[in-house]
Amino acid sequence: METRTFEQLFTEKNPEHAFLLTRMQEALNVDEVTFADITTLNLNTFKEYLKTYRKSNGKLIAASTVKNYLAVMGAFLNDLAADGLIQPVNMKKVGHIKVPPSENVYCTEEEMARIDAYYDRLLCKPNHQAEKDVLTLFLIENVTGARQSDCALMTERNIQDGQLSYISKKTKQKSVLPVHRKLQKYLAHRPTREYSRTTIARVIKRVAERCGITEQVTIQYRGELRTGRKCDFMSSHSGRRSFVTNLLNKEVPIASVSKMAGHSSTNMTMRYFVGNDIHLNEQGIAFFR
């Protein structure tokens, strides 16, 4: 009976891992990776190589991507160990990958009003269904702070006595918050089909550009400073970030915002806060005078 090699098993598990396997060969300077090569020392060598590897466009692999690659490798090695093909490997000893924090953008209330006005005009037009659907969820997200997966499931049945309540599909946590005056309008057009993240991001960027949300911003993104138009940095999560940021800028207690957004802690809520404005009460201002 033919015994399959490490490389055969790895690519059989997921053919898309050919890129990762090639990088491991380069890191260890071998023509073929074998079971005997799977040591903590070699895995650390592989990790350091990935951190300095430059893609065809000359850019380094993002730290978050390196972290994902190591997680993929770790899961595969666990399977090999369970089958008795290698000794168990503690991936924690391979070293922690520190992912540089990334900044994000949010829409001010005035910018969201522009998008809402664009949405109203769009509803009066035939066709453009994908754009209508994506914007519906984006706007629901902005007035509820809910994840897109929860926005897609929301109906008027979630509204009672002026309050919106729902249980998050992801965290199973219950959120209760006041009903925004525009929510029912959006729910009336809730989409019945799903769209890929790529489509969602493309639509949001395009609409933001058409609404004039094009000011130049500089943000920390995947370990490097990037400058560009605000609309180009927007994504499916921008509506949720806008909800959190606009409420915190109005000095709504973070504990309340956290509960409305369905976060497990206020630390998580702060990760959704975008902006550099500092709001001080009279006592705080007096400290600096």
Protein backbone atom coordinates (compact mmCIF):
# COMPACT_ATOMS: atom_id res chain seq x y z
CA MET A 1 0.00 0.00 0.00
CA GLU A 2 1.43 3.35 -1.03
CA THR A 3 2.19 5.75 1.82
CA ARG A 4 1.26 9.33 1.08
CA THR A 5 3.73 12.07 1.82
CA PHE A 6 3.24 15.16 3.95
CA GLU A 7 2.94 17.30 0.82
CA GLN A 8 0.39 14.99 -0.78
CA LEU A 9 -1.76 15.01 2.32
CA PHE A 10 -1.51 18.78 2.69
CA THR A 11 -2.52 19.59 -0.88
CA GLU A 12 -5.15 16.85 -0.84
CA LYS A 13 -6.69 18.47 2.22
CA ASN A 14 -6.99 21.74 0.36
CA PRO A 15 -5.50 22.20 -3.15
CA GLU A 16 -5.42 25.96 -2.57
CA HIS A 17 -2.61 25.43 -0.06
CA ALA A 18 -0.02 24.98 -2.82
CA PHE A 19 1.09 28.58 -2.22
CA LEU A 20 1.61 27.88 1.47
CA LEU A 21 3.49 24.67 0.78
CA THR A 22 5.86 26.42 -1.63
CA ARG A 23 6.61 29.07 0.97
CA MET A 24 7.42 26.36 3.50
CA GLN A 25 9.84 24.70 1.06
CA GLU A 26 11.56 28.06 0.55
CA ALA A 27 11.70 28.78 4.29
CA LEU A 28 13.28 25.42 5.10
CA ASN A 29 15.40 25.38 1.91
CA VAL A 30 14.20 21.91 0.91
CA ASP A 31 12.78 20.45 -2.28
CA GLU A 32 10.14 18.55 -0.35
CA VAL A 33 8.68 18.97 3.14
CA THR A 34 8.55 15.69 5.04
CA PHE A 35 6.97 14.59 8.31
CA ALA A 36 10.41 14.78 9.91
CA ASP A 37 10.58 18.51 9.07
CA ILE A 38 7.63 19.28 11.35
CA THR A 39 9.40 20.60 14.41
CA THR A 40 8.85 23.68 16.56
CA LEU A 41 12.14 25.14 15.28
CA ASN A 42 11.19 24.68 11.63
CA LEU A 43 7.69 26.04 12.19
CA ASN A 44 9.18 29.16 13.76
CA THR A 45 11.49 29.47 10.75
CA PHE A 46 8.44 29.17 8.51
CA LYS A 47 6.62 31.86 10.51
CA GLU A 48 9.52 34.32 10.29
CA TYR A 49 9.82 33.67 6.54
CA LEU A 50 6.14 34.45 6.00
CA LYS A 51 6.53 37.70 7.93
CA THR A 52 9.24 38.89 5.51
CA TYR A 53 7.87 37.39 2.28
CA ARG A 54 6.97 39.91 -0.40
CA LYS A 55 4.18 39.21 -2.86
CA SER A 56 4.43 39.84 -6.61
CA ASN A 57 3.31 43.44 -6.03
CA GLY A 58 6.22 44.00 -3.65
CA LYS A 59 4.07 44.22 -0.52
CA LEU A 60 4.59 42.16 2.61
CA ILE A 61 1.95 39.63 3.61
CA ALA A 62 -0.31 41.25 6.21
CA ALA A 63 0.26 40.09 9.79
CA SER A 64 -3.38 39.02 10.01
CA THR A 65 -2.87 36.82 6.92
CA VAL A 66 0.27 35.26 8.42
CA LYS A 67 -1.75 34.51 11.54
CA ASN A 68 -4.44 32.85 9.42
CA TYR A 69 -1.84 30.80 7.53
CA LEU A 70 -0.39 29.49 10.79
CA ALA A 71 -3.88 28.64 12.02
CA VAL A 72 -4.49 26.64 8.82
CA MET A 73 -1.18 24.82 9.29
CA GLY A 74 -1.94 24.18 12.96
CA ALA A 75 -5.32 22.62 12.16
CA PHE A 76 -3.71 20.37 9.56
CA LEU A 77 -0.96 19.29 11.96
CA ASN A 78 -3.56 18.46 14.60
CA ASP A 79 -5.22 16.12 12.10
CA LEU A 80 -1.88 14.45 11.35
CA ALA A 81 -1.18 14.02 15.06
CA ALA A 82 -4.64 12.52 15.60
CA ASP A 83 -3.87 10.00 12.84
CA GLY A 84 -0.54 9.16 14.51
CA LEU A 85 1.55 10.43 11.59
CA ILE A 86 3.44 13.03 13.65
CA GLN A 87 3.97 13.87 17.29
CA PRO A 88 1.56 16.52 18.60
CA VAL A 89 2.84 20.05 17.97
CA ASN A 90 2.01 22.90 20.31
CA MET A 91 1.44 25.78 17.92
CA LYS A 92 1.47 28.21 20.84
CA LYS A 93 5.22 27.60 21.07
CA VAL A 94 5.60 28.70 17.47
CA GLY A 95 5.07 32.23 18.65
CA HIS A 96 2.36 34.83 18.78
CA ILE A 97 1.70 36.96 15.72
CA LYS A 98 0.95 40.51 16.74
CA VAL A 99 -1.54 41.98 14.30
CA PRO A 100 -1.09 45.78 14.03
CA PRO A 101 -4.32 47.60 14.85
CA SER A 102 -6.17 48.95 11.86
CA GLU A 103 -8.16 52.15 11.82
CA ASN A 104 -11.51 52.37 10.12
CA VAL A 105 -13.88 55.03 8.88
CA TYR A 106 -17.45 55.83 9.82
CA CYS A 107 -20.21 58.03 8.44
CA THR A 108 -21.37 61.10 10.29
CA GLU A 109 -25.10 61.63 10.70
CA GLU A 110 -24.99 64.19 7.89
CA GLU A 111 -23.27 61.69 5.58
CA MET A 112 -25.77 58.99 6.46
CA ALA A 113 -28.56 61.46 5.65
CA ARG A 114 -27.05 61.83 2.17
CA ILE A 115 -27.01 58.06 1.71
CA ASP A 116 -30.60 57.83 2.94
CA ALA A 117 -31.70 60.49 0.43
CA TYR A 118 -29.91 58.59 -2.33
CA TYR A 119 -31.70 55.43 -1.19
CA ASP A 120 -35.11 57.12 -1.41
CA ARG A 121 -34.39 58.18 -4.99
CA LEU A 122 -33.17 54.69 -5.81
CA LEU A 123 -36.39 53.08 -4.56
CA CYS A 124 -38.34 55.09 -7.13
CA LYS A 125 -36.35 53.57 -9.98
CA PRO A 126 -36.88 50.19 -11.65
CA ASN A 127 -34.14 47.57 -11.52
CA HIS A 128 -30.94 48.25 -9.49
CA GLN A 129 -32.10 45.48 -7.13
CA ALA A 130 -28.66 44.55 -5.81
CA GLU A 131 -27.91 48.15 -4.94
CA LYS A 132 -31.29 48.53 -3.22
CA ASP A 133 -30.79 45.34 -1.22
CA VAL A 134 -27.26 46.15 -0.07
CA LEU A 135 -28.22 49.68 0.94
CA THR A 136 -31.28 48.44 2.83
CA LEU A 137 -29.13 46.25 5.06
CA PHE A 138 -26.47 48.94 5.39
CA LEU A 139 -29.04 51.47 6.57
CA ILE A 140 -30.67 48.99 8.97
CA GLU A 141 -27.21 48.35 10.37
CA ASN A 142 -26.66 52.07 10.86
CA VAL A 143 -29.86 52.63 12.87
CA THR A 144 -29.73 49.43 14.92
CA GLY A 145 -26.04 48.64 15.34
CA ALA A 146 -26.84 45.05 14.38
CA ARG A 147 -24.61 42.79 12.33
CA GLN A 148 -25.62 42.35 8.71
CA SER A 149 -26.57 38.72 9.37
CA ASP A 150 -29.04 39.94 12.02
CA CYS A 151 -30.30 42.80 9.86
CA ALA A 152 -31.20 40.30 7.15
CA LEU A 153 -33.46 38.41 9.58
CA MET A 154 -35.15 41.44 11.14
CA THR A 155 -38.87 42.01 10.55
CA GLU A 156 -41.59 44.14 12.07
CA ARG A 157 -42.24 41.26 14.46
CA ASN A 158 -39.07 42.35 16.26
CA ILE A 159 -40.73 45.67 17.13
CA GLN A 160 -43.01 46.01 20.12
CA ASP A 161 -44.00 49.04 22.22
CA GLY A 162 -41.49 51.27 20.51
CA GLN A 163 -38.59 48.93 21.10
CA LEU A 164 -36.60 46.67 18.82
CA SER A 165 -35.46 43.36 20.26
CA TYR A 166 -33.61 40.51 18.58
CA ILE A 167 -31.26 37.68 19.43
CA SER A 168 -27.97 37.74 17.54
CA LYS A 169 -27.46 34.85 15.18
CA LYS A 170 -23.73 34.88 15.93
CA THR A 171 -23.47 35.46 19.69
CA LYS A 172 -26.98 34.39 20.82
CA GLN A 173 -27.11 37.60 22.89
CA LYS A 174 -30.30 39.60 23.11
CA SER A 175 -30.28 43.27 22.16
CA VAL A 176 -33.01 45.74 23.05
CA LEU A 177 -33.03 49.35 21.85
CA PRO A 178 -35.39 52.15 20.85
CA VAL A 179 -36.84 51.93 17.36
CA HIS A 180 -35.28 54.46 15.01
CA ARG A 181 -37.82 56.56 13.15
CA LYS A 182 -36.62 55.22 9.75
CA LEU A 183 -36.31 51.55 10.64
CA GLN A 184 -39.75 50.46 9.47
CA LYS A 185 -39.15 52.09 6.09
CA TYR A 186 -36.03 49.98 5.66
CA LEU A 187 -37.66 46.79 6.92
CA ALA A 188 -40.37 47.16 4.29
CA HIS A 189 -37.65 46.62 1.67
CA ARG A 190 -35.65 43.94 3.46
CA PRO A 191 -33.96 41.77 0.80
CA THR A 192 -34.76 38.11 0.31
CA ARG A 193 -31.42 37.07 -1.18
CA GLU A 194 -27.83 37.12 -0.01
CA TYR A 195 -24.85 38.87 -1.60
CA SER A 196 -21.14 38.19 -1.37
CA ARG A 197 -18.93 40.43 0.77
CA THR A 198 -17.23 41.60 -2.41
CA THR A 199 -20.53 42.76 -3.90
CA ILE A 200 -21.59 44.43 -0.64
CA ALA A 201 -18.30 46.31 -0.30
CA ARG A 202 -18.35 47.38 -3.96
CA VAL A 203 -21.90 48.76 -3.72
CA ILE A 204 -21.23 50.65 -0.47
CA LYS A 205 -18.06 52.24 -1.86
CA ARG A 206 -19.81 53.23 -5.08
CA VAL A 207 -22.80 54.76 -3.30
CA ALA A 208 -20.59 56.62 -0.84
CA GLU A 209 -18.66 58.08 -3.77
CA ARG A 210 -21.90 59.18 -5.47
CA CYS A 211 -22.98 60.80 -2.21
CA GLY A 212 -19.80 62.87 -2.07
CA ILE A 213 -18.18 61.06 0.85
CA THR A 214 -14.81 61.54 -0.79
CA GLU A 215 -12.70 63.57 1.62
CA GLN A 216 -9.06 62.52 1.87
CA VAL A 217 -8.26 60.51 4.99
CA THR A 218 -5.11 58.83 6.28
CA ILE A 219 -5.55 55.68 8.34
CA GLN A 220 -3.45 52.83 9.69
CA TYR A 221 -4.41 49.81 7.60
CA ARG A 222 -2.82 46.38 7.89
CA GLY A 223 0.37 47.71 9.39
CA GLU A 224 0.90 50.68 7.09
CA LEU A 225 -0.39 54.21 6.66
CA ARG A 226 -2.69 54.65 3.70
CA THR A 227 -4.17 57.82 2.29
CA GLY A 228 -7.21 57.85 0.07
CA ARG A 229 -10.81 58.85 -0.30
CA LYS A 230 -13.04 58.04 2.65
CA CYS A 231 -15.46 56.10 0.43
CA ASP A 232 -12.67 53.74 -0.62
CA PHE A 233 -12.17 52.58 2.98
CA MET A 234 -15.84 51.87 3.66
CA SER A 235 -17.12 48.32 4.04
CA SER A 236 -20.13 46.30 5.18
CA HIS A 237 -19.17 47.03 8.80
CA SER A 238 -19.15 50.82 8.31
CA GLY A 239 -22.85 51.09 9.17
CA ARG A 240 -22.33 49.32 12.50
CA ARG A 241 -19.27 51.43 13.28
CA SER A 242 -21.25 54.56 12.45
CA PHE A 243 -24.00 53.54 14.88
CA VAL A 244 -21.50 53.06 17.72
CA THR A 245 -19.40 56.13 16.96
CA ASN A 246 -22.29 58.56 16.50
CA LEU A 247 -23.89 57.49 19.79
CA LEU A 248 -20.62 57.67 21.73
CA ASN A 249 -19.98 61.11 20.24
CA LYS A 250 -23.33 62.14 21.72
CA GLU A 251 -21.98 60.98 25.10
CA VAL A 252 -24.38 58.06 25.40
CA PRO A 253 -22.90 55.82 28.14
CA ILE A 254 -20.67 53.17 26.61
CA ALA A 255 -22.38 50.44 28.64
CA SER A 256 -25.70 51.31 26.96
CA VAL A 257 -24.15 51.44 23.49
CA SER A 258 -22.46 48.11 24.13
CA LYS A 259 -25.75 46.43 25.06
CA MET A 260 -27.58 47.90 22.08
CA ALA A 261 -24.84 46.72 19.72
CA GLY A 262 -24.92 43.24 21.23
CA HIS A 263 -21.30 43.31 22.36
CA SER A 264 -20.06 41.02 25.11
CA SER A 265 -17.96 43.80 26.66
CA THR A 266 -17.31 47.52 26.40
CA ASN A 267 -13.80 46.68 25.19
CA MET A 268 -15.35 45.21 22.08
CA THR A 269 -17.51 48.33 21.68
CA MET A 270 -14.42 50.55 21.73
CA ARG A 271 -13.01 48.56 18.82
CA TYR A 272 -15.98 49.85 16.80
CA PHE A 273 -15.48 53.45 17.88
CA VAL A 274 -13.94 55.59 15.17
CA GLY A 275 -12.69 59.11 15.71
CA ASN A 276 -10.28 61.28 17.58
CA ASP A 277 -12.68 63.73 19.19
CA ILE A 278 -12.48 63.95 22.97
CA HIS A 279 -15.59 65.06 24.85
CA LEU A 280 -15.02 66.53 28.29
CA ASN A 281 -17.47 67.72 30.90
CA GLU A 282 -16.86 70.99 32.78
CA GLN A 283 -14.71 69.31 35.42
CA GLY A 284 -12.56 67.70 32.74
CA ILE A 285 -12.10 70.99 30.90
CA ALA A 286 -11.19 72.72 34.18
CA PHE A 287 -8.34 70.25 34.68
CA PHE A 288 -6.56 71.62 31.61
CA ARG A 289 -7.08 75.29 32.41
